[in-house]
């Protein structure tokens, strides 16, 4: 490895998708986006579907990755994911059709939110959105209730605390 570089490796079930000596890496994790520079402390994190960016020779390059895991150790960032795609490989027409199809299914979904089937549909939606973002034509942001990293589920009616009338709430004095 070159001095002052990070070895970026992306591995899918099909094998090694990318191995580059880079200046830095930025990737999406379930806790937020993180960056890696040479000398980074060891890190193990869960990847979230999104964009991985890296610089090599002053040029920024980007890829979309699906969920997975990342290990950073000894100036090496190893990303394990099921899917990776370059901007040149994105077919925006096909991806927009996929996104419309999965959005229609989710909009009319009658199964249990949070079920494996629901999660698979949301994963398809996130993957399509990440590809369009990589292509440079991102769809409007969508967050669905019960999405693994989306907004929390609304409270049950019994859990909602209603304000009580009490003397603690002072009424304005009449003058």
Foldseek 3Di string as FASTA:
>chain_A
DDPFWAWEWEAAPVGTPDTDTFQKKWFAFLVGIDIDTQPDDWDKTWGDFAKMWTHHPNDIFIKTFHIFMWIDDNRYIYTYGHDIGGLVPDDLVVLVVQLVVLVVCLVPPPDDQLDPVNQVSVSSNSNSQRNCVNNVRGDPDDFDESHPSGDDDDDDPVPDDDDDDDVVDPDDDDD
